N, C-alpha and C. Protein backbone atom coordinates (compact mmCIF):
# COMPACT_ATOMS: atom_id res chain seq x y z
N MET A 1 -0.80 1.27 16.45
CA MET A 1 0.75 1.79 15.72
C MET A 1 1.76 1.79 16.46
N ASP A 2 1.60 1.78 17.92
CA ASP A 2 2.74 1.44 18.69
C ASP A 2 3.44 0.45 18.40
N GLU A 3 2.98 -0.78 18.14
CA GLU A 3 3.52 -1.85 17.76
C GLU A 3 4.63 -1.65 16.69
N LEU A 4 4.03 -0.97 15.65
CA LEU A 4 5.03 -0.54 14.75
C LEU A 4 6.20 0.24 15.00
N CYS A 5 5.89 1.14 15.74
CA CYS A 5 7.08 2.31 16.28
C CYS A 5 7.83 1.44 17.01
N GLY A 6 7.55 0.43 17.62
CA GLY A 6 8.57 -0.56 18.55
C GLY A 6 9.09 -1.42 17.69
N GLY A 7 8.89 -1.43 16.07
CA GLY A 7 9.74 -2.31 15.43
C GLY A 7 9.16 -3.58 15.01
N ASN A 8 7.58 -4.08 15.40
CA ASN A 8 7.03 -4.89 14.81
C ASN A 8 6.61 -4.93 13.63
N HIS A 9 7.30 -4.69 12.68
CA HIS A 9 7.13 -4.65 11.12
C HIS A 9 6.25 -5.78 10.53
N ALA A 10 6.70 -6.91 10.94
CA ALA A 10 5.78 -8.00 10.53
C ALA A 10 4.28 -8.09 10.47
N LEU A 11 3.70 -7.00 11.20
CA LEU A 11 2.32 -6.88 11.18
C LEU A 11 1.89 -6.48 9.98
N LEU A 12 2.51 -5.84 9.15
CA LEU A 12 2.52 -5.15 7.77
C LEU A 12 2.40 -6.36 6.90
N LEU A 13 3.02 -7.42 6.79
CA LEU A 13 3.32 -8.37 5.74
C LEU A 13 2.14 -8.73 5.13
N PRO A 14 1.06 -8.96 5.78
CA PRO A 14 -0.38 -9.16 5.13
C PRO A 14 -0.65 -8.20 4.07
N LEU A 15 -0.49 -7.08 4.33
CA LEU A 15 -0.87 -5.91 3.44
C LEU A 15 0.14 -5.60 2.67
N LEU A 16 1.35 -5.98 2.41
CA LEU A 16 2.20 -6.07 1.39
C LEU A 16 1.89 -7.12 0.58
N LYS A 17 1.37 -8.35 0.81
CA LYS A 17 1.32 -9.37 0.38
C LYS A 17 -0.19 -9.35 -0.61
N ARG A 18 -1.08 -8.47 -0.09
CA ARG A 18 -2.13 -8.08 -0.50
C ARG A 18 -1.80 -7.12 -1.82
N HIS A 19 -1.31 -6.08 -1.57
CA HIS A 19 -0.54 -5.39 -2.77
C HIS A 19 0.22 -5.81 -3.71
N ASP A 20 0.96 -6.87 -3.26
CA ASP A 20 1.58 -7.52 -4.41
C ASP A 20 0.78 -8.48 -5.33
N ASN A 21 -0.15 -8.95 -4.67
CA ASN A 21 -1.12 -9.72 -5.52
C ASN A 21 -2.34 -8.76 -6.07
N CYS A 22 -1.96 -7.60 -6.37
CA CYS A 22 -3.12 -6.82 -6.86
C CYS A 22 -4.44 -6.50 -6.20
N ASP A 23 -4.37 -6.75 -5.19
CA ASP A 23 -5.61 -6.44 -4.05
C ASP A 23 -5.38 -4.96 -3.42
N TRP A 24 -6.16 -3.95 -4.14
CA TRP A 24 -5.73 -2.73 -3.74
C TRP A 24 -6.39 -2.03 -2.53
N GLY A 25 -7.01 -3.02 -2.06
CA GLY A 25 -7.74 -2.55 -0.47
C GLY A 25 -8.70 -1.64 -0.65
N ASN A 26 -8.99 -0.78 -0.11
CA ASN A 26 -10.06 0.30 -0.07
C ASN A 26 -9.94 1.48 -0.89
N CYS A 27 -9.17 1.41 -1.92
CA CYS A 27 -9.13 2.57 -2.81
C CYS A 27 -10.49 2.63 -3.62
N TYR A 28 -10.63 3.88 -4.33
CA TYR A 28 -11.60 4.08 -5.02
C TYR A 28 -12.01 3.46 -6.43
N PRO A 29 -12.74 2.80 -6.74
CA PRO A 29 -12.77 1.98 -7.94
C PRO A 29 -11.93 2.60 -9.11
N GLU A 30 -12.01 3.84 -9.17
CA GLU A 30 -11.25 4.35 -10.54
C GLU A 30 -9.71 4.30 -10.09
N ASP A 31 -9.50 4.38 -8.87
CA ASP A 31 -7.93 4.27 -8.53
C ASP A 31 -7.44 2.74 -8.76
N ALA A 32 -8.46 1.81 -8.54
CA ALA A 32 -8.23 0.27 -8.63
C ALA A 32 -7.98 -0.07 -10.31
N ILE A 33 -8.77 0.86 -10.95
CA ILE A 33 -8.60 0.49 -12.41
C ILE A 33 -7.24 1.29 -13.10
N GLN A 34 -6.92 2.37 -12.57
CA GLN A 34 -5.84 2.88 -12.78
C GLN A 34 -4.41 1.80 -12.33
N ASN A 35 -4.62 1.45 -11.05
CA ASN A 35 -3.36 0.87 -10.56
C ASN A 35 -3.44 -0.48 -11.60
N ASN A 36 -4.45 -1.33 -11.97
CA ASN A 36 -4.34 -2.22 -13.03
C ASN A 36 -3.42 -2.20 -14.11
N TRP A 37 -3.88 -0.87 -14.87
CA TRP A 37 -3.23 -0.40 -15.67
C TRP A 37 -1.87 -0.09 -15.48
N ALA A 38 -1.64 0.56 -14.43
CA ALA A 38 -0.35 0.95 -13.99
C ALA A 38 0.80 -0.52 -13.84
N THR A 39 0.12 -1.56 -13.71
CA THR A 39 0.84 -2.57 -13.12
C THR A 39 1.41 -3.10 -14.63
N HIS A 40 0.99 -2.89 -15.90
CA HIS A 40 1.39 -3.24 -16.90
C HIS A 40 2.24 -2.09 -17.73
N ASN A 41 2.07 -0.78 -17.32
CA ASN A 41 2.59 0.23 -17.89
C ASN A 41 3.67 1.03 -17.24
N GLU A 42 4.23 0.52 -16.32
CA GLU A 42 5.36 1.42 -15.46
C GLU A 42 4.99 2.61 -15.02
N LEU A 43 3.80 2.77 -14.14
CA LEU A 43 3.40 3.71 -13.51
C LEU A 43 3.36 3.25 -12.08
N ARG A 44 3.20 4.40 -11.41
CA ARG A 44 3.28 4.55 -9.87
C ARG A 44 1.68 3.53 -9.35
N ILE A 45 1.84 2.75 -8.19
CA ILE A 45 0.87 1.92 -7.82
C ILE A 45 0.68 2.26 -6.28
N MET A 46 -0.76 2.66 -5.92
CA MET A 46 -0.86 2.82 -4.58
C MET A 46 -2.24 2.23 -4.19
N SER A 47 -2.06 1.59 -2.73
CA SER A 47 -2.99 0.99 -2.19
C SER A 47 -3.65 1.52 -1.22
N VAL A 48 -4.64 1.11 -0.43
CA VAL A 48 -5.00 1.90 0.89
C VAL A 48 -5.66 0.65 1.74
N TYR A 49 -5.21 0.53 3.03
CA TYR A 49 -5.94 -0.65 3.61
C TYR A 49 -6.22 -0.23 5.08
N ALA A 50 -7.24 -0.70 5.44
CA ALA A 50 -7.52 -0.51 7.04
C ALA A 50 -6.74 -1.23 7.89
N PHE A 51 -5.96 -0.71 8.88
CA PHE A 51 -4.91 -1.19 9.62
C PHE A 51 -5.14 -0.59 11.03
N LEU A 52 -5.32 -1.37 12.01
CA LEU A 52 -5.71 -1.06 13.57
C LEU A 52 -6.64 0.26 13.55
N GLY A 53 -7.60 0.30 12.79
CA GLY A 53 -8.69 1.10 12.80
C GLY A 53 -8.27 2.39 12.03
N GLU A 54 -7.09 2.48 11.30
CA GLU A 54 -6.72 3.75 10.43
C GLU A 54 -6.45 3.33 9.04
N ALA A 55 -6.04 4.05 8.30
CA ALA A 55 -6.11 3.90 6.92
C ALA A 55 -4.27 3.79 6.87
N VAL A 56 -3.80 2.99 6.12
CA VAL A 56 -2.44 2.83 5.72
C VAL A 56 -2.01 2.73 4.06
N TRP A 57 -1.32 3.66 3.71
CA TRP A 57 -1.02 3.60 2.20
C TRP A 57 0.13 2.60 1.92
N ILE A 58 0.12 2.00 0.90
CA ILE A 58 0.98 1.38 0.09
C ILE A 58 1.66 2.03 -1.29
N ILE A 59 2.69 2.41 -1.52
CA ILE A 59 2.91 3.09 -2.65
C ILE A 59 4.23 2.42 -3.19
N THR A 60 3.87 1.92 -4.51
CA THR A 60 5.23 1.47 -5.20
C THR A 60 5.61 2.24 -6.42
N GLU A 61 6.88 2.49 -6.40
CA GLU A 61 7.27 3.66 -7.62
C GLU A 61 7.08 3.13 -9.03
N SER A 62 6.98 4.01 -9.89
CA SER A 62 7.00 3.58 -11.33
C SER A 62 7.92 2.77 -11.95
N ASP A 63 9.56 2.68 -11.47
CA ASP A 63 10.28 2.07 -11.71
C ASP A 63 10.56 0.63 -10.85
N ARG A 64 9.37 0.62 -9.98
CA ARG A 64 9.72 -0.58 -9.13
C ARG A 64 10.80 -0.70 -8.35
N SER A 65 11.53 0.59 -8.16
CA SER A 65 12.71 0.37 -6.97
C SER A 65 12.53 0.45 -5.77
N ALA A 66 11.19 1.13 -5.22
CA ALA A 66 10.92 1.30 -3.94
C ALA A 66 9.33 1.00 -3.58
N THR A 67 9.21 0.24 -2.60
CA THR A 67 7.92 0.40 -2.23
C THR A 67 7.87 1.11 -0.84
N THR A 68 6.96 1.98 -0.46
CA THR A 68 6.82 2.81 0.62
C THR A 68 5.43 2.65 1.35
N ILE A 69 5.40 2.49 2.88
CA ILE A 69 4.34 2.43 3.43
C ILE A 69 4.17 3.60 4.33
N LEU A 70 3.20 4.10 4.08
CA LEU A 70 2.86 5.44 4.74
C LEU A 70 1.46 5.32 6.13
N LEU A 71 2.12 5.56 7.19
CA LEU A 71 1.07 5.79 8.32
C LEU A 71 0.14 6.88 8.49
N PRO A 72 -0.67 6.93 8.99
CA PRO A 72 -1.48 8.31 9.02
C PRO A 72 -0.64 9.36 9.60
N ILE A 73 0.13 9.30 10.60
CA ILE A 73 0.99 10.18 11.21
C ILE A 73 2.12 10.61 10.17
N GLU A 74 2.34 10.07 9.08
CA GLU A 74 3.30 10.32 8.03
C GLU A 74 2.73 10.96 6.83
N TYR A 75 1.38 10.97 6.73
CA TYR A 75 0.62 11.45 5.49
C TYR A 75 0.58 12.93 5.86
């Protein structure tokens, strides 16, 4: 995670691409179903991925105005 704190945010681009492509990562199956429904019904979408041995969450707001990446130290 030190790389991210140092400003190397490009490491997160593959995860953002997966999120954008409706690959919800390691979320629970029921959450994946909810995400699929949410993409068509203007609801919040949340993915979780393994990144450098830890979980990283990506959340897109219901109005699609913002996508946030949360690291374990921020959750």
